[in-house]
Amino acid sequence: MDIKEYFARISYQGSHNKPDLATMSDIFQHHIQAVPFENLSIHCGEKIELNLEATYNKIVKKKRGGWCMENNYLLSWVLKTLGYNITLLGGKVYVPELDAYPDEINHLLLQVELDGKSYIVDGGFGMAYQLWQPMELISGTDQPQTPGVFRFQEENGTWYLEKVKRKQWVLNPSTSTSQNVENEVCCRIYLFTLQPRDIEEFRGCNAHLQTAPDSLFVTKSICSLQTADGIRALVGWKLTEMKYNYRDNMDLVEIRILADEEIEKTLKEKFNITLDKKLVPVNTSRLSLF
């Protein structure tokens, strides 16, 4: 594994001699705009391996994306290589339909200790809830970013990540199954603790999430990529492109339903992904990812 090859993959040409916040933020921004959040392997008959070299080969050499346990595991290697102090953390992603969090961890994120402060680095959530910068680990303080206002709330050692969504202006609402968001909504994203984790602790959820019939990743084929001013996502056959803050406190959303024969071309042109095996799109869950 070669850090220069990784930098070429994310088109990063900045300095990396000093492990400071500016460098980490710049690398992170390049990563999320180059490496999609995607679970397409599941819907191509491939297994997602929790192995750093396999992840490196997939994301760097094959120019694919990955989910949290791939993106953040790779980012942990990158940041450690550059001299950052990294701790793996385990999170539990909020389930809106149940208004609850799962019993077991199902999300990998990173804690970085830097200049006496703690930051959360998470390049593996994707969709409209993807952080665009590392977040300082402080409770109750709004941290505005391009996608919206994020904040942590800490209660008895448990940390909760929330995002305040903007209103949405949907250009062609007839293709959307979800209603327009009329008011600012505070959305729960996940909870986590600061208990250090080992990658081995994620093997169970890595297997469960790609096989369980009720797993979101089994019921939806997902590929999302952050852009310079928004996000694009292909979920099943639905291509959504969002421009953040198109108007004052309003995101512009454009939705198109693709035909089967458009999928492969769209993945290449919009996400720079070429698959080895044929994708079978799926979108049977009613959960909105926006």
Protein backbone atom coordinates (compact mmCIF):
# COMPACT_ATOMS: atom_id res chain seq x y z
CA MET A 1 0.00 0.00 0.00
CA ASP A 2 1.39 3.34 -1.09
CA ILE A 3 0.27 6.72 0.30
CA LYS A 4 1.25 8.45 -2.96
CA GLU A 5 -1.00 6.10 -4.90
CA TYR A 6 -3.84 6.94 -2.51
CA PHE A 7 -3.22 10.68 -3.01
CA ALA A 8 -3.39 10.16 -6.78
CA ARG A 9 -6.68 8.31 -6.33
CA ILE A 10 -8.25 11.28 -4.52
CA SER A 11 -6.44 13.90 -6.66
CA TYR A 12 -4.71 15.37 -3.61
CA GLN A 13 -1.64 17.46 -4.42
CA GLY A 14 -1.28 19.46 -1.21
CA SER A 15 1.41 19.14 1.42
CA HIS A 16 1.33 16.35 3.99
CA ASN A 17 4.48 16.98 5.97
CA LYS A 18 2.74 18.44 9.01
CA PRO A 19 -0.11 16.50 10.67
CA ASP A 20 -2.32 19.51 11.40
CA LEU A 21 -6.04 20.23 11.14
CA ALA A 22 -5.80 22.04 7.80
CA THR A 23 -4.02 19.12 6.13
CA MET A 24 -6.42 16.56 7.60
CA SER A 25 -9.45 18.60 6.52
CA ASP A 26 -8.09 19.02 2.98
CA ILE A 27 -7.35 15.30 2.55
CA PHE A 28 -10.77 14.46 3.99
CA GLN A 29 -12.52 16.81 1.55
CA HIS A 30 -10.69 15.25 -1.40
CA HIS A 31 -11.57 11.75 -0.17
CA ILE A 32 -15.33 12.30 0.05
CA GLN A 33 -15.41 13.95 -3.39
CA ALA A 34 -13.44 11.12 -5.02
CA VAL A 35 -14.49 7.96 -3.19
CA PRO A 36 -18.21 7.12 -3.31
CA PHE A 37 -20.16 5.75 -0.38
CA GLU A 38 -21.54 2.58 -1.95
CA ASN A 39 -22.68 -0.96 -1.26
CA LEU A 40 -22.79 -2.16 -4.87
CA SER A 41 -20.70 -5.26 -4.12
CA ILE A 42 -23.68 -6.75 -2.28
CA HIS A 43 -25.80 -6.38 -5.41
CA CYS A 44 -23.10 -7.71 -7.75
CA GLY A 45 -22.65 -10.99 -5.92
CA GLU A 46 -19.39 -9.88 -4.28
CA LYS A 47 -18.46 -10.11 -0.61
CA ILE A 48 -17.33 -7.00 1.27
CA GLU A 49 -14.14 -7.96 3.10
CA LEU A 50 -13.04 -6.29 6.32
CA ASN A 51 -9.39 -6.37 5.36
CA LEU A 52 -7.22 -3.29 4.90
CA GLU A 53 -5.31 -4.55 1.86
CA ALA A 54 -8.53 -5.74 0.18
CA THR A 55 -10.11 -2.35 0.89
CA TYR A 56 -7.04 -0.54 -0.47
CA ASN A 57 -7.14 -2.63 -3.66
CA LYS A 58 -10.87 -2.00 -4.08
CA ILE A 59 -10.90 1.75 -3.43
CA VAL A 60 -7.44 2.84 -4.60
CA LYS A 61 -6.53 0.41 -7.37
CA LYS A 62 -9.99 -0.44 -8.73
CA LYS A 63 -11.35 3.08 -8.10
CA ARG A 64 -14.42 1.80 -6.29
CA GLY A 65 -16.08 3.18 -3.17
CA GLY A 66 -17.19 1.50 0.01
CA TRP A 67 -19.28 1.78 3.15
CA CYS A 68 -18.21 3.03 6.61
CA MET A 69 -16.05 0.06 7.51
CA GLU A 70 -14.12 0.42 4.25
CA ASN A 71 -13.87 4.21 3.89
CA ASN A 72 -13.02 4.91 7.52
CA TYR A 73 -10.69 1.92 7.90
CA LEU A 74 -8.76 3.17 4.88
CA LEU A 75 -8.79 6.74 6.24
CA SER A 76 -7.43 5.47 9.56
CA TRP A 77 -4.47 3.95 7.71
CA VAL A 78 -3.92 7.16 5.73
CA LEU A 79 -3.99 9.40 8.81
CA LYS A 80 -1.82 7.05 10.90
CA THR A 81 0.69 6.94 8.06
CA LEU A 82 0.83 10.74 8.12
CA GLY A 83 1.43 10.83 11.89
CA TYR A 84 -2.04 11.47 13.31
CA ASN A 85 -3.23 9.93 16.59
CA ILE A 86 -6.23 7.79 15.59
CA THR A 87 -8.74 5.76 17.62
CA LEU A 88 -11.46 3.59 16.08
CA LEU A 89 -14.91 4.17 17.59
CA GLY A 90 -18.18 2.25 17.25
CA GLY A 91 -21.53 3.90 16.55
CA LYS A 92 -25.18 2.91 16.33
CA VAL A 93 -27.13 4.43 13.44
CA TYR A 94 -30.57 5.85 14.25
CA VAL A 95 -33.52 3.95 12.70
CA PRO A 96 -36.33 6.46 11.99
CA GLU A 97 -39.04 3.84 11.45
CA LEU A 98 -38.41 2.47 14.94
CA ASP A 99 -37.44 5.79 16.55
CA ALA A 100 -34.60 3.86 18.14
CA TYR A 101 -30.95 2.88 17.93
CA PRO A 102 -29.86 -0.76 17.43
CA ASP A 103 -28.52 -2.86 20.29
CA GLU A 104 -25.17 -3.53 18.62
CA ILE A 105 -22.67 -1.18 16.95
CA ASN A 106 -23.11 -0.94 13.18
CA HIS A 107 -21.00 2.07 12.25
CA LEU A 108 -17.23 2.69 12.29
CA LEU A 109 -15.92 6.23 12.83
CA LEU A 110 -12.61 7.80 13.82
CA GLN A 111 -11.47 9.96 16.72
CA VAL A 112 -8.38 12.11 16.13
CA GLU A 113 -6.42 13.75 18.96
CA LEU A 114 -4.78 16.90 17.65
CA ASP A 115 -3.23 19.87 19.49
CA GLY A 116 -5.06 19.08 22.71
CA LYS A 117 -8.45 18.75 21.04
CA SER A 118 -10.52 15.78 19.87
CA TYR A 119 -12.10 15.57 16.43
CA ILE A 120 -14.49 13.10 14.84
CA VAL A 121 -13.56 12.11 11.29
CA ASP A 122 -16.24 10.16 9.42
CA GLY A 123 -15.87 9.67 5.68
CA GLY A 124 -18.23 6.72 5.62
CA PHE A 125 -21.80 7.84 6.09
CA GLY A 126 -22.62 9.12 2.64
CA MET A 127 -25.81 10.58 1.24
CA ALA A 128 -26.97 13.95 2.63
CA TYR A 129 -25.70 13.16 6.13
CA GLN A 130 -22.04 12.99 5.16
CA LEU A 131 -19.77 15.35 7.14
CA TRP A 132 -17.67 17.62 4.95
CA GLN A 133 -15.10 18.50 7.60
CA PRO A 134 -13.78 16.90 10.78
CA MET A 135 -15.98 17.93 13.74
CA GLU A 136 -14.58 19.06 17.04
CA LEU A 137 -15.83 16.81 19.82
CA ILE A 138 -17.76 19.35 21.88
CA SER A 139 -21.33 19.04 23.13
CA GLY A 140 -24.21 21.38 22.33
CA THR A 141 -22.38 23.64 19.88
CA ASP A 142 -23.64 24.13 16.32
CA GLN A 143 -20.94 23.38 13.75
CA PRO A 144 -22.17 24.72 10.38
CA GLN A 145 -20.88 22.98 7.28
CA THR A 146 -21.88 23.16 3.62
CA PRO A 147 -24.40 20.26 3.90
CA GLY A 148 -26.11 21.87 6.94
CA VAL A 149 -25.63 22.45 10.65
CA PHE A 150 -24.20 19.51 12.57
CA ARG A 151 -23.88 19.21 16.33
CA PHE A 152 -23.00 16.73 19.04
CA GLN A 153 -25.04 16.25 22.20
CA GLU A 154 -23.40 14.33 25.05
CA GLU A 155 -25.43 12.57 27.74
CA ASN A 156 -23.76 10.44 30.42
CA GLY A 157 -20.85 9.47 28.20
CA THR A 158 -22.95 8.80 25.09
CA TRP A 159 -22.52 11.18 22.18
CA TYR A 160 -25.29 11.89 19.67
CA LEU A 161 -24.72 13.36 16.20
CA GLU A 162 -27.54 15.49 14.77
CA LYS A 163 -28.04 17.53 11.61
CA VAL A 164 -30.42 20.40 10.95
CA LYS A 165 -31.71 19.98 7.40
CA ARG A 166 -32.65 22.85 5.12
CA LYS A 167 -35.85 23.16 3.16
CA GLN A 168 -35.78 21.37 -0.20
CA TRP A 169 -36.93 22.63 -3.56
CA VAL A 170 -37.65 19.55 -5.67
CA LEU A 171 -37.60 20.41 -9.38
CA ASN A 172 -39.72 17.45 -10.46
CA PRO A 173 -41.66 16.28 -7.38
CA SER A 174 -43.72 13.75 -9.36
CA THR A 175 -40.72 11.40 -9.43
CA SER A 176 -40.18 11.69 -5.69
CA THR A 177 -41.90 9.43 -3.20
CA SER A 178 -40.90 11.62 -0.27
CA GLN A 179 -42.65 14.90 0.47
CA ASN A 180 -40.85 18.23 0.39
CA VAL A 181 -39.38 19.31 3.67
CA GLU A 182 -41.26 22.45 4.65
CA ASN A 183 -39.41 23.37 7.81
CA GLU A 184 -35.96 22.95 9.28
CA VAL A 185 -35.80 19.49 10.78
CA CYS A 186 -33.31 18.28 13.33
CA CYS A 187 -32.42 14.76 12.27
CA ARG A 188 -30.69 12.21 14.47
CA ILE A 189 -27.87 10.41 12.68
CA TYR A 190 -26.08 8.11 15.13
CA LEU A 191 -24.78 7.73 18.66
CA PHE A 192 -21.36 6.57 19.82
CA THR A 193 -19.15 6.34 22.89
CA LEU A 194 -15.44 7.07 23.22
CA GLN A 195 -14.62 3.44 24.01
CA PRO A 196 -11.68 2.48 21.76
CA ARG A 197 -12.54 -0.31 19.34
CA ASP A 198 -10.54 -2.89 17.44
CA ILE A 199 -11.37 -3.66 13.82
CA GLU A 200 -12.16 -7.24 14.87
CA GLU A 201 -15.20 -5.92 16.76
CA PHE A 202 -16.79 -4.92 13.44
CA ARG A 203 -16.60 -8.32 11.76
CA GLY A 204 -20.04 -9.31 13.02
CA CYS A 205 -21.84 -6.24 11.75
CA ASN A 206 -19.87 -6.29 8.49
CA ALA A 207 -21.28 -9.75 7.81
CA HIS A 208 -24.77 -8.99 9.17
CA LEU A 209 -25.30 -5.80 7.16
CA GLN A 210 -24.61 -7.53 3.84
CA THR A 211 -26.74 -10.63 4.51
CA ALA A 212 -29.65 -9.81 6.84
CA PRO A 213 -32.96 -9.58 4.89
CA ASP A 214 -33.98 -6.44 6.79
CA SER A 215 -30.62 -4.68 6.36
CA LEU A 216 -30.89 -1.32 4.58
CA PHE A 217 -27.89 -2.34 2.50
CA VAL A 218 -29.63 -5.51 1.31
CA THR A 219 -32.91 -3.72 0.51
CA LYS A 220 -31.27 -0.80 -1.30
CA SER A 221 -28.40 -0.58 -3.79
CA ILE A 222 -26.69 2.70 -2.93
CA CYS A 223 -24.00 4.83 -4.51
CA SER A 224 -23.50 8.43 -3.37
CA LEU A 225 -20.74 10.94 -3.97
CA GLN A 226 -20.18 14.41 -2.57
CA THR A 227 -19.60 17.09 -5.22
CA ALA A 228 -18.08 20.57 -5.08
CA ASP A 229 -21.45 22.08 -4.07
CA GLY A 230 -23.72 19.17 -3.18
CA ILE A 231 -24.25 15.47 -3.62
CA ARG A 232 -25.37 12.95 -6.22
CA ALA A 233 -26.80 9.56 -5.38
CA LEU A 234 -28.08 6.51 -7.21
CA VAL A 235 -30.42 4.44 -5.03
CA GLY A 236 -31.93 1.56 -6.99
CA TRP A 237 -32.95 3.24 -10.24
CA LYS A 238 -33.45 6.71 -8.73
CA LEU A 239 -30.74 9.28 -9.47
CA THR A 240 -30.88 12.28 -7.13
CA GLU A 241 -28.70 15.35 -7.52
CA MET A 242 -28.73 17.96 -4.77
CA LYS A 243 -27.18 21.42 -4.73
CA TYR A 244 -26.70 22.70 -1.18
CA ASN A 245 -27.97 26.17 -0.26
CA TYR A 246 -29.09 26.92 -3.83
CA ARG A 247 -31.23 29.67 -2.32
CA ASP A 248 -31.19 31.03 1.22
CA ASN A 249 -31.58 27.99 3.48
CA MET A 250 -32.91 25.85 0.64
CA ASP A 251 -31.35 22.91 -1.20
CA LEU A 252 -32.15 22.27 -4.87
CA VAL A 253 -33.10 18.66 -5.61
CA GLU A 254 -33.44 17.05 -9.02
CA ILE A 255 -34.63 13.45 -9.35
CA ARG A 256 -34.65 11.14 -12.35
CA ILE A 257 -35.68 7.51 -12.67
CA LEU A 258 -33.22 5.58 -14.84
CA ALA A 259 -33.88 2.72 -17.20
CA ASP A 260 -31.88 -0.49 -16.70
CA GLU A 261 -29.69 0.28 -19.70
CA GLU A 262 -28.70 3.68 -18.24
CA ILE A 263 -27.33 2.33 -14.95
CA GLU A 264 -23.86 1.27 -16.10
CA LYS A 265 -23.24 4.50 -18.04
CA THR A 266 -24.47 6.63 -15.13
CA LEU A 267 -22.17 4.89 -12.65
CA LYS A 268 -19.22 5.60 -14.94
CA GLU A 269 -20.09 9.21 -15.80
CA LYS A 270 -21.46 10.40 -12.44
CA PHE A 271 -19.44 8.30 -9.98
CA ASN A 272 -16.38 7.13 -11.95
CA ILE A 273 -17.27 3.52 -11.10
CA THR A 274 -16.83 0.54 -13.40
CA LEU A 275 -18.05 -2.75 -11.97
CA ASP A 276 -16.52 -6.16 -12.66
CA LYS A 277 -19.89 -7.90 -12.35
CA LYS A 278 -23.40 -6.91 -13.37
CA LEU A 279 -25.32 -4.81 -10.87
CA VAL A 280 -28.85 -5.84 -9.95
CA PRO A 281 -30.44 -2.59 -8.66
CA VAL A 282 -32.67 -2.84 -5.59
CA ASN A 283 -34.83 -0.29 -3.77
CA THR A 284 -37.46 -2.04 -1.68
CA SER A 285 -37.04 -0.13 1.58
CA ARG A 286 -39.28 2.93 2.03
CA LEU A 287 -36.70 4.72 4.14
CA SER A 288 -35.67 8.06 2.62
CA LEU A 289 -31.93 8.72 2.63
CA PHE A 290 -32.39 12.46 2.18
